[in-house]
Amino acid sequence: MSKPQPHKIFGIFGDRRRIYTKNIIKGMTHFEEKTVKDGNVEYREFDPRRSKLAAMITKGCTNIGIRKDDIVLYLGSSHGYTPSFVSDMVEKEGLIFGIDPAPRVMRDFVFLAEKRKNLIPILGDAFHPERYMDKVCAVDIVYQDVAQRNQTAIFIKNCNMFLKKGGYGLLAVKARSIDITRKPKQIFVEVRTELEKVFTVIDYKILEPFEKDHCMIIVKK
């Protein structure tokens, strides 16, 4: 196996078939992900079938906005698979506020945060950012992966409240959660049009074959 080389995306490494992040906690994995060692460096494989962010990168995105030392608001952190890789990307001086309303998955995320000190778990509803505004500071990145009908409104609300000017927002759009009766591409266009009223859209990709009926839209404030 060839050793991973720096990718065009900051904090991502790749070989011909896979993408990786540099593990900030060497010797520890969390989701049975494969690792590759190169001397003193360990890489964790980032699977596009398990992460919309990995799918976006694999589909050819050239800038996801995330950088070393960034502060991230992650809406819909779930068990923490993708947040764990964002944790590698922002490195130990970065910070990720993980918001999720489900106590069961938040418990898993809390266990993950005990190992990865740059993760901050917050049990909360992303539709009501005013309820956690005392726990979250201004952020460089808002990342949202929330399966709700009003997911666009939730994203705009949180970006308006927390995202710094010049910061990036990444929205994973789940068409079936918005309207199961309509064509996903039609919904994607509507969401993009809505976002363009508020932000600059810098990238848009449909995530098939990795995720059915999903797209990701990246904006800049």
N, C-alpha and C. Protein backbone atom coordinates (compact mmCIF):
# COMPACT_ATOMS: atom_id res chain seq x y z
N MET A 1 0.84 -1.20 0.00
CA MET A 1 0.00 0.00 0.00
C MET A 1 0.87 1.25 0.00
N SER A 2 0.60 2.18 -0.95
CA SER A 2 1.38 3.41 -0.99
C SER A 2 0.97 4.31 0.16
N LYS A 3 1.94 5.10 0.66
CA LYS A 3 1.62 5.96 1.80
C LYS A 3 0.78 7.14 1.33
N PRO A 4 -0.16 7.60 2.18
CA PRO A 4 -1.02 8.73 1.81
C PRO A 4 -0.21 10.00 1.55
N GLN A 5 -0.61 10.72 0.52
CA GLN A 5 0.03 11.99 0.14
C GLN A 5 -0.93 13.14 0.46
N PRO A 6 -0.40 14.36 0.69
CA PRO A 6 -1.29 15.49 0.94
C PRO A 6 -2.29 15.69 -0.20
N HIS A 7 -3.54 15.86 0.16
CA HIS A 7 -4.64 16.08 -0.78
C HIS A 7 -4.77 17.58 -1.04
N LYS A 8 -5.52 17.96 -2.08
CA LYS A 8 -5.75 19.38 -2.32
C LYS A 8 -6.61 20.02 -1.21
N ILE A 9 -7.37 19.19 -0.49
CA ILE A 9 -8.15 19.66 0.66
C ILE A 9 -7.26 19.70 1.89
N PHE A 10 -7.27 20.83 2.59
CA PHE A 10 -6.45 20.98 3.80
C PHE A 10 -6.81 19.90 4.83
N GLY A 11 -5.77 19.26 5.40
CA GLY A 11 -5.98 18.28 6.47
C GLY A 11 -6.38 16.90 5.98
N ILE A 12 -6.46 16.74 4.67
CA ILE A 12 -6.82 15.44 4.08
C ILE A 12 -5.61 14.89 3.33
N PHE A 13 -5.48 13.56 3.38
CA PHE A 13 -4.40 12.86 2.68
C PHE A 13 -5.04 11.75 1.86
N GLY A 14 -4.36 11.32 0.80
CA GLY A 14 -4.97 10.32 -0.04
C GLY A 14 -3.97 9.43 -0.75
N ASP A 15 -4.43 8.24 -1.13
CA ASP A 15 -3.72 7.43 -2.11
C ASP A 15 -4.65 7.31 -3.32
N ARG A 16 -4.44 6.34 -4.16
CA ARG A 16 -5.23 6.29 -5.40
C ARG A 16 -6.71 6.01 -5.15
N ARG A 17 -7.01 5.35 -4.04
CA ARG A 17 -8.39 4.90 -3.85
C ARG A 17 -9.07 5.43 -2.61
N ARG A 18 -8.30 5.93 -1.63
CA ARG A 18 -8.89 6.27 -0.35
C ARG A 18 -8.44 7.63 0.14
N ILE A 19 -9.20 8.20 1.08
CA ILE A 19 -8.77 9.43 1.74
C ILE A 19 -8.61 9.18 3.24
N TYR A 20 -7.78 10.00 3.87
CA TYR A 20 -7.41 9.81 5.28
C TYR A 20 -7.27 11.16 5.98
N THR A 21 -7.30 11.11 7.31
CA THR A 21 -6.83 12.24 8.11
C THR A 21 -5.67 11.76 8.97
N LYS A 22 -4.87 12.70 9.43
CA LYS A 22 -3.75 12.37 10.30
C LYS A 22 -4.27 12.25 11.73
N ASN A 23 -4.12 11.09 12.31
CA ASN A 23 -4.70 10.80 13.63
C ASN A 23 -4.02 11.63 14.73
N ILE A 24 -4.80 12.47 15.44
CA ILE A 24 -4.20 13.27 16.53
C ILE A 24 -4.02 12.45 17.81
N ILE A 25 -4.63 11.23 17.82
CA ILE A 25 -4.42 10.34 18.97
C ILE A 25 -3.88 9.02 18.43
N LYS A 26 -2.58 8.98 18.20
CA LYS A 26 -1.97 7.80 17.59
C LYS A 26 -2.25 6.54 18.39
N GLY A 27 -2.55 5.46 17.67
CA GLY A 27 -2.80 4.17 18.32
C GLY A 27 -4.24 3.98 18.73
N MET A 28 -5.10 4.97 18.51
CA MET A 28 -6.50 4.85 18.92
C MET A 28 -7.44 5.06 17.74
N THR A 29 -8.35 4.10 17.54
CA THR A 29 -9.43 4.27 16.57
C THR A 29 -10.75 4.19 17.34
N HIS A 30 -11.84 4.64 16.69
CA HIS A 30 -13.12 4.73 17.38
C HIS A 30 -14.25 4.00 16.67
N PHE A 31 -14.12 3.78 15.35
CA PHE A 31 -15.21 3.22 14.55
C PHE A 31 -14.73 2.05 13.69
N GLU A 32 -13.72 1.35 14.20
CA GLU A 32 -13.13 0.21 13.48
C GLU A 32 -12.60 0.63 12.10
N GLU A 33 -12.22 1.91 11.99
CA GLU A 33 -11.66 2.39 10.73
C GLU A 33 -10.24 1.84 10.54
N LYS A 34 -9.86 1.66 9.29
CA LYS A 34 -8.51 1.17 8.98
C LYS A 34 -7.51 2.30 9.19
N THR A 35 -6.28 1.93 9.53
CA THR A 35 -5.22 2.92 9.70
C THR A 35 -4.01 2.54 8.84
N VAL A 36 -3.24 3.56 8.48
CA VAL A 36 -1.99 3.37 7.73
C VAL A 36 -0.91 4.12 8.49
N LYS A 37 0.23 3.47 8.71
CA LYS A 37 1.34 4.13 9.40
C LYS A 37 2.44 4.49 8.42
N ASP A 38 3.02 5.66 8.63
CA ASP A 38 4.18 6.10 7.85
C ASP A 38 5.16 6.70 8.84
N GLY A 39 6.11 5.87 9.29
CA GLY A 39 7.05 6.31 10.32
C GLY A 39 6.30 6.63 11.61
N ASN A 40 6.41 7.87 12.06
CA ASN A 40 5.80 8.28 13.32
C ASN A 40 4.37 8.80 13.14
N VAL A 41 3.88 8.79 11.90
CA VAL A 41 2.56 9.35 11.61
C VAL A 41 1.56 8.22 11.35
N GLU A 42 0.35 8.37 11.89
CA GLU A 42 -0.72 7.40 11.65
C GLU A 42 -1.89 8.11 10.97
N TYR A 43 -2.42 7.47 9.93
CA TYR A 43 -3.56 8.01 9.19
C TYR A 43 -4.78 7.13 9.42
N ARG A 44 -5.95 7.77 9.55
CA ARG A 44 -7.22 7.05 9.68
C ARG A 44 -8.00 7.16 8.37
N GLU A 45 -8.50 6.05 7.89
CA GLU A 45 -9.27 6.05 6.64
C GLU A 45 -10.65 6.68 6.86
N PHE A 46 -10.98 7.64 5.99
CA PHE A 46 -12.23 8.41 6.05
C PHE A 46 -13.14 7.89 4.94
N ASP A 47 -14.20 7.19 5.32
CA ASP A 47 -15.02 6.41 4.39
C ASP A 47 -16.18 7.24 3.81
N PRO A 48 -16.21 7.47 2.47
CA PRO A 48 -17.28 8.26 1.88
C PRO A 48 -18.65 7.59 1.95
N ARG A 49 -18.68 6.31 2.26
CA ARG A 49 -19.98 5.64 2.42
C ARG A 49 -20.56 5.84 3.82
N ARG A 50 -19.73 6.39 4.72
CA ARG A 50 -20.18 6.61 6.09
C ARG A 50 -20.26 8.09 6.45
N SER A 51 -19.81 8.95 5.54
CA SER A 51 -19.74 10.37 5.85
C SER A 51 -20.04 11.21 4.61
N LYS A 52 -20.99 12.15 4.75
CA LYS A 52 -21.28 13.04 3.63
C LYS A 52 -20.10 13.95 3.32
N LEU A 53 -19.33 14.32 4.35
CA LEU A 53 -18.15 15.16 4.13
C LEU A 53 -17.10 14.40 3.31
N ALA A 54 -16.87 13.14 3.67
CA ALA A 54 -15.92 12.32 2.91
C ALA A 54 -16.43 12.11 1.48
N ALA A 55 -17.74 11.96 1.33
CA ALA A 55 -18.33 11.81 -0.01
C ALA A 55 -18.11 13.08 -0.83
N MET A 56 -18.29 14.24 -0.21
CA MET A 56 -18.10 15.53 -0.90
C MET A 56 -16.65 15.67 -1.38
N ILE A 57 -15.71 15.28 -0.53
CA ILE A 57 -14.30 15.36 -0.89
C ILE A 57 -13.98 14.38 -2.03
N THR A 58 -14.50 13.16 -1.91
CA THR A 58 -14.25 12.13 -2.91
C THR A 58 -14.86 12.51 -4.27
N LYS A 59 -15.96 13.26 -4.24
CA LYS A 59 -16.62 13.72 -5.47
C LYS A 59 -15.89 14.88 -6.14
N GLY A 60 -14.79 15.37 -5.51
CA GLY A 60 -13.95 16.35 -6.19
C GLY A 60 -14.01 17.77 -5.66
N CYS A 61 -14.60 17.98 -4.48
CA CYS A 61 -14.60 19.32 -3.89
C CYS A 61 -13.15 19.77 -3.67
N THR A 62 -12.88 21.06 -3.92
CA THR A 62 -11.51 21.57 -3.80
C THR A 62 -11.28 22.42 -2.56
N ASN A 63 -12.36 22.82 -1.87
CA ASN A 63 -12.20 23.61 -0.64
C ASN A 63 -13.42 23.43 0.26
N ILE A 64 -13.22 22.79 1.41
CA ILE A 64 -14.32 22.62 2.36
C ILE A 64 -14.27 23.69 3.46
N GLY A 65 -13.22 24.54 3.40
CA GLY A 65 -13.14 25.66 4.34
C GLY A 65 -12.50 25.36 5.67
N ILE A 66 -12.42 24.09 6.06
CA ILE A 66 -11.92 23.72 7.39
C ILE A 66 -10.39 23.82 7.42
N ARG A 67 -9.87 24.45 8.48
CA ARG A 67 -8.43 24.65 8.63
C ARG A 67 -7.98 24.31 10.05
N LYS A 68 -6.69 24.16 10.21
CA LYS A 68 -6.08 23.94 11.52
C LYS A 68 -6.51 25.06 12.48
N ASP A 69 -6.81 24.68 13.71
CA ASP A 69 -7.18 25.60 14.80
C ASP A 69 -8.57 26.22 14.64
N ASP A 70 -9.35 25.80 13.64
CA ASP A 70 -10.70 26.36 13.47
C ASP A 70 -11.63 25.95 14.62
N ILE A 71 -12.64 26.80 14.84
CA ILE A 71 -13.74 26.49 15.75
C ILE A 71 -14.94 26.12 14.89
N VAL A 72 -15.54 24.96 15.17
CA VAL A 72 -16.61 24.40 14.34
C VAL A 72 -17.88 24.20 15.17
N LEU A 73 -19.01 24.60 14.61
CA LEU A 73 -20.32 24.23 15.18
C LEU A 73 -20.86 23.12 14.30
N TYR A 74 -21.01 21.93 14.89
CA TYR A 74 -21.44 20.76 14.13
C TYR A 74 -22.85 20.39 14.57
N LEU A 75 -23.81 20.60 13.68
CA LEU A 75 -25.22 20.34 13.98
C LEU A 75 -25.61 18.96 13.46
N GLY A 76 -26.02 18.09 14.37
CA GLY A 76 -26.33 16.71 14.00
C GLY A 76 -25.12 15.82 14.14
N SER A 77 -24.44 15.95 15.27
CA SER A 77 -23.16 15.24 15.48
C SER A 77 -23.32 13.73 15.61
N SER A 78 -24.53 13.25 15.96
CA SER A 78 -24.82 11.82 16.05
C SER A 78 -23.78 11.08 16.92
N HIS A 79 -23.35 9.90 16.47
CA HIS A 79 -22.38 9.12 17.26
C HIS A 79 -20.96 9.69 17.17
N GLY A 80 -20.73 10.57 16.19
CA GLY A 80 -19.44 11.24 16.12
C GLY A 80 -18.47 10.77 15.05
N TYR A 81 -18.97 9.98 14.07
CA TYR A 81 -18.04 9.48 13.04
C TYR A 81 -17.36 10.64 12.29
N THR A 82 -18.14 11.46 11.59
CA THR A 82 -17.53 12.58 10.86
C THR A 82 -16.85 13.59 11.79
N PRO A 83 -17.48 13.96 12.93
CA PRO A 83 -16.79 14.88 13.85
C PRO A 83 -15.41 14.41 14.28
N SER A 84 -15.21 13.09 14.38
CA SER A 84 -13.90 12.58 14.80
C SER A 84 -12.83 12.90 13.75
N PHE A 85 -13.23 12.92 12.47
CA PHE A 85 -12.27 13.25 11.40
C PHE A 85 -12.06 14.77 11.31
N VAL A 86 -13.13 15.53 11.55
CA VAL A 86 -12.97 16.99 11.62
C VAL A 86 -12.05 17.35 12.79
N SER A 87 -12.15 16.57 13.86
CA SER A 87 -11.27 16.73 15.03
C SER A 87 -9.80 16.58 14.63
N ASP A 88 -9.50 15.62 13.76
CA ASP A 88 -8.13 15.48 13.24
C ASP A 88 -7.73 16.70 12.41
N MET A 89 -8.66 17.19 11.60
CA MET A 89 -8.35 18.28 10.67
C MET A 89 -8.06 19.60 11.38
N VAL A 90 -8.84 19.91 12.42
CA VAL A 90 -8.61 21.18 13.14
C VAL A 90 -7.47 21.04 14.15
N GLU A 91 -7.07 19.78 14.41
CA GLU A 91 -5.97 19.45 15.32
C GLU A 91 -6.28 19.85 16.77
N LYS A 92 -5.32 19.66 17.63
CA LYS A 92 -5.59 19.75 19.08
C LYS A 92 -5.97 21.14 19.55
N GLU A 93 -5.55 22.18 18.81
CA GLU A 93 -5.89 23.55 19.22
C GLU A 93 -7.24 24.00 18.65
N GLY A 94 -7.82 23.22 17.76
CA GLY A 94 -9.15 23.53 17.23
C GLY A 94 -10.22 23.08 18.21
N LEU A 95 -11.49 23.34 17.87
CA LEU A 95 -12.59 23.05 18.79
C LEU A 95 -13.84 22.74 17.97
N ILE A 96 -14.59 21.72 18.40
CA ILE A 96 -15.85 21.36 17.72
C ILE A 96 -16.95 21.25 18.76
N PHE A 97 -17.97 22.10 18.60
CA PHE A 97 -19.19 21.99 19.41
C PHE A 97 -20.13 21.05 18.68
N GLY A 98 -20.43 19.89 19.26
CA GLY A 98 -21.31 18.91 18.64
C GLY A 98 -22.70 18.97 19.25
N ILE A 99 -23.70 19.32 18.43
CA ILE A 99 -25.09 19.47 18.89
C ILE A 99 -25.91 18.30 18.36
N ASP A 100 -26.66 17.65 19.25
CA ASP A 100 -27.59 16.61 18.82
C ASP A 100 -28.71 16.50 19.86
N PRO A 101 -29.97 16.26 19.41
CA PRO A 101 -31.09 16.19 20.36
C PRO A 101 -31.32 14.81 20.96
N ALA A 102 -30.63 13.78 20.45
CA ALA A 102 -30.93 12.40 20.87
C ALA A 102 -29.99 11.95 21.99
N PRO A 103 -30.53 11.72 23.19
CA PRO A 103 -29.68 11.32 24.33
C PRO A 103 -28.85 10.06 24.06
N ARG A 104 -29.41 9.10 23.31
CA ARG A 104 -28.71 7.83 23.07
C ARG A 104 -27.42 8.06 22.27
N VAL A 105 -27.50 8.82 21.18
CA VAL A 105 -26.29 9.04 20.39
C VAL A 105 -25.36 10.04 21.08
N MET A 106 -25.95 10.96 21.85
CA MET A 106 -25.11 11.93 22.57
C MET A 106 -24.25 11.22 23.61
N ARG A 107 -24.77 10.14 24.17
CA ARG A 107 -23.96 9.37 25.14
C ARG A 107 -22.70 8.83 24.46
N ASP A 108 -22.85 8.30 23.24
CA ASP A 108 -21.68 7.82 22.48
C ASP A 108 -20.72 8.96 22.19
N PHE A 109 -21.29 10.13 21.83
CA PHE A 109 -20.46 11.29 21.51
C PHE A 109 -19.69 11.77 22.74
N VAL A 110 -20.32 11.69 23.90
CA VAL A 110 -19.64 12.07 25.16
C VAL A 110 -18.44 11.15 25.40
N PHE A 111 -18.62 9.84 25.18
CA PHE A 111 -17.49 8.90 25.34
C PHE A 111 -16.36 9.24 24.37
N LEU A 112 -16.72 9.61 23.15
CA LEU A 112 -15.73 10.00 22.15
C LEU A 112 -14.99 11.26 22.59
N ALA A 113 -15.74 12.22 23.14
CA ALA A 113 -15.16 13.49 23.58
C ALA A 113 -14.23 13.33 24.78
N GLU A 114 -14.43 12.26 25.55
CA GLU A 114 -13.51 11.99 26.67
C GLU A 114 -12.13 11.62 26.14
N LYS A 115 -12.07 11.07 24.93
CA LYS A 115 -10.79 10.70 24.32
C LYS A 115 -10.25 11.83 23.45
N ARG A 116 -11.16 12.50 22.72
CA ARG A 116 -10.77 13.60 21.83
C ARG A 116 -11.16 14.91 22.50
N LYS A 117 -10.18 15.56 23.10
CA LYS A 117 -10.45 16.70 23.97
C LYS A 117 -10.91 17.95 23.22
N ASN A 118 -10.82 17.95 21.89
CA ASN A 118 -11.28 19.12 21.14
C ASN A 118 -12.76 19.02 20.74
N LEU A 119 -13.47 17.99 21.24
CA LEU A 119 -14.90 17.84 21.01
C LEU A 119 -15.67 18.27 22.24
N ILE A 120 -16.72 19.08 22.04
CA ILE A 120 -17.56 19.53 23.16
C ILE A 120 -19.00 19.10 22.88
N PRO A 121 -19.52 18.09 23.63
CA PRO A 121 -20.88 17.61 23.38
C PRO A 121 -21.93 18.54 24.01
N ILE A 122 -22.98 18.84 23.24
CA ILE A 122 -24.09 19.65 23.75
C ILE A 122 -25.40 18.98 23.32
N LEU A 123 -26.18 18.54 24.30
CA LEU A 123 -27.50 17.98 24.01
C LEU A 123 -28.43 19.14 23.71
N GLY A 124 -28.90 19.24 22.47
CA GLY A 124 -29.72 20.39 22.12
C GLY A 124 -30.39 20.23 20.77
N ASP A 125 -31.37 21.08 20.52
CA ASP A 125 -32.14 21.08 19.28
C ASP A 125 -31.63 22.21 18.39
N ALA A 126 -31.10 21.86 17.22
CA ALA A 126 -30.51 22.86 16.32
C ALA A 126 -31.52 23.91 15.84
N PHE A 127 -32.81 23.60 15.94
CA PHE A 127 -33.83 24.57 15.56
C PHE A 127 -33.96 25.71 16.59
N HIS A 128 -33.40 25.48 17.76
CA HIS A 128 -33.47 26.49 18.83
C HIS A 128 -32.06 26.88 19.29
N PRO A 129 -31.28 27.53 18.42
CA PRO A 129 -29.91 27.88 18.79
C PRO A 129 -29.83 28.83 19.99
N GLU A 130 -30.92 29.57 20.23
CA GLU A 130 -30.93 30.49 21.38
C GLU A 130 -30.78 29.72 22.70
N ARG A 131 -31.10 28.42 22.70
CA ARG A 131 -31.02 27.62 23.93
C ARG A 131 -29.59 27.17 24.24
N TYR A 132 -28.71 27.23 23.24
CA TYR A 132 -27.30 26.87 23.53
C TYR A 132 -26.35 28.02 23.21
N MET A 133 -26.88 29.20 22.96
CA MET A 133 -26.00 30.32 22.60
C MET A 133 -25.05 30.71 23.74
N ASP A 134 -25.42 30.37 24.98
CA ASP A 134 -24.52 30.66 26.11
C ASP A 134 -23.39 29.65 26.21
N LYS A 135 -23.46 28.57 25.42
CA LYS A 135 -22.43 27.52 25.47
C LYS A 135 -21.50 27.54 24.26
N VAL A 136 -21.87 28.31 23.22
CA VAL A 136 -21.14 28.30 21.96
C VAL A 136 -20.65 29.71 21.65
N CYS A 137 -19.39 29.81 21.20
CA CYS A 137 -18.84 31.12 20.82
C CYS A 137 -18.99 31.32 19.30
N ALA A 138 -18.50 32.43 18.78
CA ALA A 138 -18.47 32.64 17.33
C ALA A 138 -17.58 31.57 16.70
N VAL A 139 -17.98 31.07 15.54
CA VAL A 139 -17.27 29.94 14.93
C VAL A 139 -16.79 30.26 13.51
N ASP A 140 -15.78 29.49 13.06
CA ASP A 140 -15.24 29.61 11.70
C ASP A 140 -16.03 28.78 10.70
N ILE A 141 -16.65 27.69 11.21
CA ILE A 141 -17.36 26.73 10.36
C ILE A 141 -18.69 26.35 11.01
N VAL A 142 -19.77 26.33 10.22
CA VAL A 142 -21.01 25.67 10.64
C VAL A 142 -21.21 24.49 9.69
N TYR A 143 -21.29 23.29 10.27
CA TYR A 143 -21.51 22.07 9.48
C TYR A 143 -22.84 21.49 9.94
N GLN A 144 -23.72 21.20 8.99
CA GLN A 144 -25.04 20.67 9.38
C GLN A 144 -25.40 19.41 8.63
N ASP A 145 -25.81 18.39 9.40
CA ASP A 145 -26.29 17.13 8.86
C ASP A 145 -27.52 16.73 9.69
N VAL A 146 -28.65 17.38 9.39
CA VAL A 146 -29.87 17.24 10.19
C VAL A 146 -31.02 16.81 9.29
N ALA A 147 -31.68 15.70 9.65
CA ALA A 147 -32.77 15.19 8.82
C ALA A 147 -34.11 15.77 9.29
N GLN A 148 -34.34 17.04 8.96
CA GLN A 148 -35.61 17.68 9.30
C GLN A 148 -36.15 18.42 8.09
N ARG A 149 -37.45 18.55 8.03
CA ARG A 149 -38.10 19.23 6.91
C ARG A 149 -37.58 20.66 6.72
N ASN A 150 -37.36 21.35 7.84
CA ASN A 150 -36.95 22.76 7.80
C ASN A 150 -35.43 22.93 7.93
N GLN A 151 -34.68 21.98 7.35
CA GLN A 151 -33.22 21.98 7.53
C GLN A 151 -32.54 23.24 6.98
N THR A 152 -33.07 23.83 5.91
CA THR A 152 -32.47 25.05 5.37
C THR A 152 -32.61 26.21 6.35
N ALA A 153 -33.80 26.35 6.92
CA ALA A 153 -34.05 27.42 7.90
C ALA A 153 -33.17 27.25 9.13
N ILE A 154 -32.99 26.02 9.57
CA ILE A 154 -32.13 25.73 10.73
C ILE A 154 -30.70 26.18 10.44
N PHE A 155 -30.22 25.84 9.25
CA PHE A 155 -28.85 26.18 8.84
C PHE A 155 -28.65 27.70 8.82
N ILE A 156 -29.56 28.41 8.16
CA ILE A 156 -29.45 29.87 8.05
C ILE A 156 -29.49 30.52 9.44
N LYS A 157 -30.37 30.03 10.28
CA LYS A 157 -30.51 30.56 11.64
C LYS A 157 -29.21 30.44 12.43
N ASN A 158 -28.60 29.26 12.37
CA ASN A 158 -27.36 29.03 13.11
C ASN A 158 -26.19 29.81 12.52
N CYS A 159 -26.13 29.89 11.19
CA CYS A 159 -25.06 30.67 10.55
C CYS A 159 -25.18 32.15 10.91
N ASN A 160 -26.42 32.67 10.90
CA ASN A 160 -26.63 34.06 11.27
C ASN A 160 -26.22 34.34 12.70
N MET A 161 -26.44 33.36 13.57
CA MET A 161 -26.18 33.56 14.99
C MET A 161 -24.70 33.35 15.37
N PHE A 162 -24.03 32.38 14.75
CA PHE A 162 -22.70 31.98 15.22
C PHE A 162 -21.55 32.14 14.22
N LEU A 163 -21.84 32.10 12.92
CA LEU A 163 -20.75 32.06 11.92
C LEU A 163 -20.11 33.43 11.74
N LYS A 164 -18.78 33.46 11.85
CA LYS A 164 -18.03 34.71 11.64
C LYS A 164 -18.14 35.15 10.18
N LYS A 165 -18.02 36.44 9.95
CA LYS A 165 -17.95 36.94 8.57
C LYS A 165 -16.71 36.35 7.91
N GLY A 166 -16.87 35.83 6.71
CA GLY A 166 -15.76 35.15 6.04
C GLY A 166 -15.69 33.67 6.36
N GLY A 167 -16.54 33.21 7.30
CA GLY A 167 -16.57 31.79 7.67
C GLY A 167 -17.34 30.96 6.65
N TYR A 168 -17.19 29.64 6.75
CA TYR A 168 -17.81 28.72 5.80
C TYR A 168 -18.93 27.92 6.46
N GLY A 169 -19.98 27.67 5.67
CA GLY A 169 -21.06 26.79 6.11
C GLY A 169 -21.17 25.61 5.17
N LEU A 170 -21.32 24.41 5.72
CA LEU A 170 -21.47 23.20 4.92
C LEU A 170 -22.80 22.55 5.28
N LEU A 171 -23.69 22.46 4.31
CA LEU A 171 -25.02 21.92 4.54
C LEU A 171 -25.22 20.63 3.74
N ALA A 172 -25.43 19.53 4.46
CA ALA A 172 -25.82 18.27 3.83
C ALA A 172 -27.33 18.28 3.70
N VAL A 173 -27.84 18.30 2.46
CA VAL A 173 -29.27 18.39 2.20
C VAL A 173 -29.83 16.98 1.99
N LYS A 174 -30.84 16.63 2.79
CA LYS A 174 -31.50 15.32 2.66
C LYS A 174 -32.87 15.57 2.02
N ALA A 175 -32.97 15.32 0.73
CA ALA A 175 -34.18 15.66 -0.03
C ALA A 175 -35.42 14.97 0.53
N ARG A 176 -35.29 13.71 0.90
CA ARG A 176 -36.45 12.94 1.36
C ARG A 176 -36.99 13.45 2.69
N SER A 177 -36.16 14.11 3.46
CA SER A 177 -36.63 14.70 4.72
C SER A 177 -37.42 15.98 4.48
N ILE A 178 -37.16 16.65 3.34
CA ILE A 178 -37.87 17.89 3.02
C ILE A 178 -39.21 17.59 2.37
N ASP A 179 -39.20 16.71 1.35
CA ASP A 179 -40.45 16.35 0.67
C ASP A 179 -40.24 15.05 -0.09
N ILE A 180 -40.89 14.00 0.37
CA ILE A 180 -40.68 12.65 -0.21
C ILE A 180 -41.36 12.52 -1.57
N THR A 181 -42.29 13.44 -1.90
CA THR A 181 -43.08 13.31 -3.13
C THR A 181 -42.42 13.97 -4.35
N ARG A 182 -41.39 14.79 -4.12
CA ARG A 182 -40.80 15.56 -5.22
C ARG A 182 -39.42 15.05 -5.59
N LYS A 183 -38.96 15.42 -6.78
CA LYS A 183 -37.65 14.98 -7.26
C LYS A 183 -36.55 15.67 -6.44
N PRO A 184 -35.57 14.88 -5.97
CA PRO A 184 -34.48 15.45 -5.17
C PRO A 184 -33.77 16.62 -5.84
N LYS A 185 -33.49 16.53 -7.15
CA LYS A 185 -32.75 17.61 -7.83
C LYS A 185 -33.53 18.93 -7.78
N GLN A 186 -34.84 18.85 -7.86
CA GLN A 186 -35.69 20.04 -7.77
C GLN A 186 -35.54 20.68 -6.38
N ILE A 187 -35.53 19.85 -5.37
CA ILE A 187 -35.36 20.33 -3.99
C ILE A 187 -33.98 20.95 -3.80
N PHE A 188 -32.94 20.30 -4.35
CA PHE A 188 -31.58 20.82 -4.23
C PHE A 188 -31.47 22.23 -4.82
N VAL A 189 -32.10 22.44 -6.00
CA VAL A 189 -32.06 23.75 -6.65
C VAL A 189 -32.75 24.80 -5.78
N GLU A 190 -33.88 24.42 -5.19
CA GLU A 190 -34.62 25.35 -4.33
C GLU A 190 -33.81 25.75 -3.10
N VAL A 191 -33.16 24.76 -2.49
CA VAL A 191 -32.34 25.04 -1.30
C VAL A 191 -31.17 25.95 -1.68
N ARG A 192 -30.52 25.63 -2.78
CA ARG A 192 -29.40 26.46 -3.23
C ARG A 192 -29.85 27.91 -3.48
N THR A 193 -30.99 28.07 -4.14
CA THR A 193 -31.54 29.41 -4.42
C THR A 193 -31.80 30.17 -3.12
N GLU A 194 -32.33 29.45 -2.13
CA GLU A 194 -32.61 30.06 -0.82
C GLU A 194 -31.32 30.52 -0.14
N LEU A 195 -30.28 29.69 -0.22
CA LEU A 195 -29.00 30.03 0.40
C LEU A 195 -28.32 31.20 -0.31
N GLU A 196 -28.49 31.27 -1.63
CA GLU A 196 -27.85 32.35 -2.41
C GLU A 196 -28.40 33.73 -2.07
N LYS A 197 -29.57 33.77 -1.45
CA LYS A 197 -30.14 35.05 -1.01
C LYS A 197 -29.36 35.62 0.18
N VAL A 198 -28.67 34.72 0.91
CA VAL A 198 -28.02 35.11 2.17
C VAL A 198 -26.49 35.02 2.09
N PHE A 199 -25.99 34.01 1.38
CA PHE A 199 -24.55 33.71 1.36
C PHE A 199 -24.02 33.63 -0.06
N THR A 200 -22.70 33.48 -0.19
CA THR A 200 -22.07 33.15 -1.47
C THR A 200 -21.91 31.63 -1.53
N VAL A 201 -22.53 31.00 -2.50
CA VAL A 201 -22.37 29.55 -2.67
C VAL A 201 -21.06 29.30 -3.41
N ILE A 202 -20.17 28.50 -2.80
CA ILE A 202 -18.88 28.25 -3.45
C ILE A 202 -18.73 26.83 -4.01
N ASP A 203 -19.60 25.92 -3.56
CA ASP A 203 -19.58 24.57 -4.15
C ASP A 203 -20.91 23.88 -3.90
N TYR A 204 -21.23 22.97 -4.80
CA TYR A 204 -22.48 22.19 -4.72
C TYR A 204 -22.23 20.87 -5.42
N LYS A 205 -22.53 19.78 -4.75
CA LYS A 205 -22.36 18.47 -5.39
C LYS A 205 -23.44 17.51 -4.91
N ILE A 206 -23.97 16.73 -5.85
CA ILE A 206 -24.85 15.62 -5.49
C ILE A 206 -23.96 14.46 -5.04
N LEU A 207 -24.33 13.79 -3.94
CA LEU A 207 -23.41 12.86 -3.29
C LEU A 207 -23.55 11.40 -3.73
N GLU A 208 -24.38 11.13 -4.73
CA GLU A 208 -24.43 9.76 -5.27
C GLU A 208 -23.10 9.44 -5.96
N PRO A 209 -22.63 8.21 -5.95
CA PRO A 209 -23.30 7.00 -5.49
C PRO A 209 -23.14 6.72 -3.98
N PHE A 210 -22.50 7.60 -3.26
CA PHE A 210 -22.22 7.31 -1.84
C PHE A 210 -23.45 7.51 -0.95
N GLU A 211 -24.25 8.54 -1.26
CA GLU A 211 -25.45 8.84 -0.48
C GLU A 211 -26.60 9.11 -1.44
N LYS A 212 -27.65 8.33 -1.34
CA LYS A 212 -28.82 8.49 -2.23
C LYS A 212 -29.64 9.72 -1.80
N ASP A 213 -30.05 10.50 -2.78
CA ASP A 213 -30.95 11.66 -2.56
C ASP A 213 -30.36 12.70 -1.60
N HIS A 214 -29.04 12.86 -1.65
CA HIS A 214 -28.36 13.86 -0.82
C HIS A 214 -27.48 14.75 -1.71
N CYS A 215 -27.35 16.01 -1.31
CA CYS A 215 -26.32 16.85 -1.90
C CYS A 215 -25.62 17.59 -0.76
N MET A 216 -24.51 18.22 -1.06
CA MET A 216 -23.88 19.12 -0.09
C MET A 216 -23.65 20.45 -0.77
N ILE A 217 -23.97 21.52 -0.03
CA ILE A 217 -23.77 22.87 -0.51
C ILE A 217 -22.82 23.57 0.47
N ILE A 218 -21.77 24.20 -0.07
CA ILE A 218 -20.82 24.93 0.76
C ILE A 218 -20.97 26.41 0.48
N VAL A 219 -21.13 27.20 1.54
CA VAL A 219 -21.32 28.65 1.40
C VAL A 219 -20.27 29.40 2.18
N LYS A 220 -20.12 30.68 1.81
CA LYS A 220 -19.23 31.58 2.57
C LYS A 220 -20.04 32.78 3.01
N LYS A 221 -19.85 33.19 4.26
CA LYS A 221 -20.60 34.32 4.80
C LYS A 221 -19.86 35.62 4.51
